[in-house]
Amino acid sequence: MRQNDKHANMQDSKKQNKKEYVTQEKQKHSFNDISQNDSMRISNDEKEGLMNFTHNEEGLAKFHLIMAFCVLFLILSVFIPKIYLSNNIYYTSRAISKLTIEKDLLYEENMRLQQEIEKINDKHLLLEIGEQ
């Protein structure tokens, strides 16, 4: 039994040594974290600067607003006539296309009518020659 007691005491001492080692390591890491936090802290001057900081919430200045409207007016003065002319050209080209189609149809009808007139004239000539 004595050996079991020695063995149990040895295991307890190993566990105790391990716990002490872990706590020492934690202390080392916490010390490193504290020293790093010191370098990241804000100085008193910076704190005062942040406390005294005032944010100007006026919005847009009148000059910037006027300039924005001028730019908008210039852009619209360029693009509105372009859009108007593009639409006008489109509708004019559609009208021209319709007129071209009608012209071709009338030309074809004119050719057909001239052929009918020619046939009638030939028929009339043959009747006159047959009468003589």
Protein backbone atom coordinates (compact mmCIF):
# COMPACT_ATOMS: atom_id res chain seq x y z
CA MET A 1 0.00 0.00 0.00
CA ARG A 2 2.85 2.27 0.61
CA GLN A 3 3.79 2.10 -3.00
CA ASN A 4 0.27 3.09 -4.02
CA ASP A 5 0.46 6.06 -1.64
CA LYS A 6 3.82 7.09 -3.10
CA HIS A 7 2.47 6.70 -6.59
CA ALA A 8 -0.63 8.79 -5.74
CA ASN A 9 1.53 11.46 -4.08
CA MET A 10 3.77 11.58 -7.14
CA GLN A 11 0.79 12.05 -9.43
CA ASP A 12 -0.59 14.79 -7.18
CA SER A 13 2.75 16.61 -7.21
CA LYS A 14 2.89 16.38 -11.03
CA LYS A 15 -0.61 17.84 -11.23
CA GLN A 16 0.39 20.60 -8.83
CA ASN A 17 3.53 21.42 -10.87
CA LYS A 18 1.45 21.49 -14.04
CA LYS A 19 -1.07 23.90 -12.47
CA GLU A 20 1.72 26.18 -11.28
CA TYR A 21 3.27 26.19 -14.77
CA VAL A 22 -0.07 27.08 -16.38
CA THR A 23 -0.67 29.95 -13.93
CA GLN A 24 2.86 31.29 -14.54
CA GLU A 25 2.26 31.24 -18.31
CA LYS A 26 -1.05 33.04 -17.88
CA GLN A 27 0.64 35.71 -15.78
CA LYS A 28 3.31 36.19 -18.47
CA HIS A 29 0.65 36.60 -21.18
CA SER A 30 -1.42 38.98 -19.09
CA PHE A 31 1.68 41.10 -18.42
CA ASN A 32 2.41 41.22 -22.17
CA ASP A 33 -1.22 42.23 -22.83
CA ILE A 34 -0.99 45.02 -20.25
CA SER A 35 2.23 46.37 -21.76
CA GLN A 36 0.64 46.31 -25.24
CA ASN A 37 -2.46 48.10 -23.93
CA ASP A 38 -0.24 50.87 -22.50
CA SER A 39 0.99 51.70 -26.00
CA MET A 40 -2.59 51.71 -27.31
CA ARG A 41 -4.00 54.04 -24.66
CA ILE A 42 -5.13 57.52 -25.57
CA SER A 43 -3.19 60.46 -24.16
CA ASN A 44 -4.93 63.22 -22.22
CA ASP A 45 -4.42 65.68 -25.09
CA GLU A 46 -6.18 63.32 -27.45
CA LYS A 47 -9.02 62.86 -24.97
CA GLU A 48 -9.46 66.62 -24.64
CA GLY A 49 -9.39 67.00 -28.40
CA LEU A 50 -12.13 64.41 -28.76
CA MET A 51 -14.21 66.03 -26.03
CA ASN A 52 -13.90 69.50 -27.61
CA PHE A 53 -14.63 68.26 -31.14
CA THR A 54 -17.74 69.83 -32.59
CA HIS A 55 -19.30 68.59 -35.80
CA ASN A 56 -20.68 71.28 -38.09
CA GLU A 57 -24.10 70.08 -39.27
CA GLU A 58 -25.04 72.95 -41.59
CA GLY A 59 -25.51 70.73 -44.61
CA LEU A 60 -24.64 72.01 -48.06
CA ALA A 61 -23.30 75.52 -48.40
CA LYS A 62 -25.21 77.87 -50.70
CA PHE A 63 -22.27 77.99 -53.10
CA HIS A 64 -22.21 74.20 -53.48
CA LEU A 65 -25.96 74.10 -53.97
CA ILE A 66 -25.82 76.80 -56.67
CA MET A 67 -22.93 75.01 -58.39
CA ALA A 68 -24.89 71.72 -58.36
CA PHE A 69 -27.89 73.42 -60.00
CA CYS A 70 -25.63 75.06 -62.60
CA VAL A 71 -24.08 71.71 -63.49
CA LEU A 72 -27.53 70.12 -63.66
CA PHE A 73 -28.76 72.94 -65.92
CA LEU A 74 -25.75 72.56 -68.24
CA ILE A 75 -26.23 68.81 -68.49
CA LEU A 76 -29.94 69.19 -69.21
CA SER A 77 -29.29 71.96 -71.75
CA VAL A 78 -27.02 69.55 -73.65
CA PHE A 79 -29.06 66.36 -73.41
CA ILE A 80 -32.64 67.63 -73.88
CA PRO A 81 -31.96 68.98 -77.41
CA LYS A 82 -30.07 65.77 -78.24
CA ILE A 83 -33.04 63.66 -77.14
CA TYR A 84 -35.46 65.91 -79.05
CA LEU A 85 -33.36 65.72 -82.23
CA SER A 86 -32.94 61.95 -81.93
CA ASN A 87 -36.69 61.47 -81.60
CA ASN A 88 -37.37 63.89 -84.45
CA ILE A 89 -34.90 62.05 -86.71
CA TYR A 90 -36.47 58.71 -85.81
CA TYR A 91 -40.03 59.79 -86.62
CA THR A 92 -38.91 61.57 -89.81
CA SER A 93 -37.09 58.45 -90.98
CA ARG A 94 -40.24 56.40 -90.33
CA ALA A 95 -42.26 58.85 -92.45
CA ILE A 96 -39.62 58.71 -95.20
CA SER A 97 -39.72 54.90 -95.10
CA LYS A 98 -43.53 54.91 -95.50
CA LEU A 99 -43.31 57.38 -98.39
CA THR A 100 -40.62 55.28 -100.10
CA ILE A 101 -42.82 52.19 -99.86
CA GLU A 102 -45.81 54.13 -101.29
CA LYS A 103 -43.61 55.47 -104.12
CA ASP A 104 -42.52 51.94 -105.03
CA LEU A 105 -46.14 50.73 -105.00
CA LEU A 106 -47.26 53.64 -107.18
CA TYR A 107 -44.38 53.00 -109.60
CA GLU A 108 -45.43 49.34 -109.91
CA GLU A 109 -49.07 50.36 -110.46
CA ASN A 110 -47.99 52.90 -113.09
CA MET A 111 -46.05 50.17 -114.95
CA ARG A 112 -49.09 47.86 -114.85
CA LEU A 113 -51.42 50.62 -116.15
CA GLN A 114 -49.03 51.47 -119.01
CA GLN A 115 -48.95 47.81 -120.03
CA GLU A 116 -52.77 47.72 -120.05
CA ILE A 117 -52.86 50.92 -122.18
CA GLU A 118 -50.38 49.34 -124.59
CA LYS A 119 -52.54 46.20 -124.86
CA ILE A 120 -55.65 48.31 -125.51
CA ASN A 121 -53.82 50.36 -128.18
CA ASP A 122 -52.59 47.19 -129.86
CA LYS A 123 -56.11 45.77 -129.79
CA HIS A 124 -57.51 49.00 -131.28
CA LEU A 125 -54.89 48.98 -134.06
CA LEU A 126 -55.73 45.39 -134.94
CA LEU A 127 -59.43 46.28 -135.17
CA GLU A 128 -58.66 49.24 -137.48
CA ILE A 129 -56.47 47.10 -139.71
CA GLY A 130 -59.14 44.41 -139.81
CA GLU A 131 -61.76 46.90 -140.97
CA GLN A 132 -59.78 48.09 -143.92
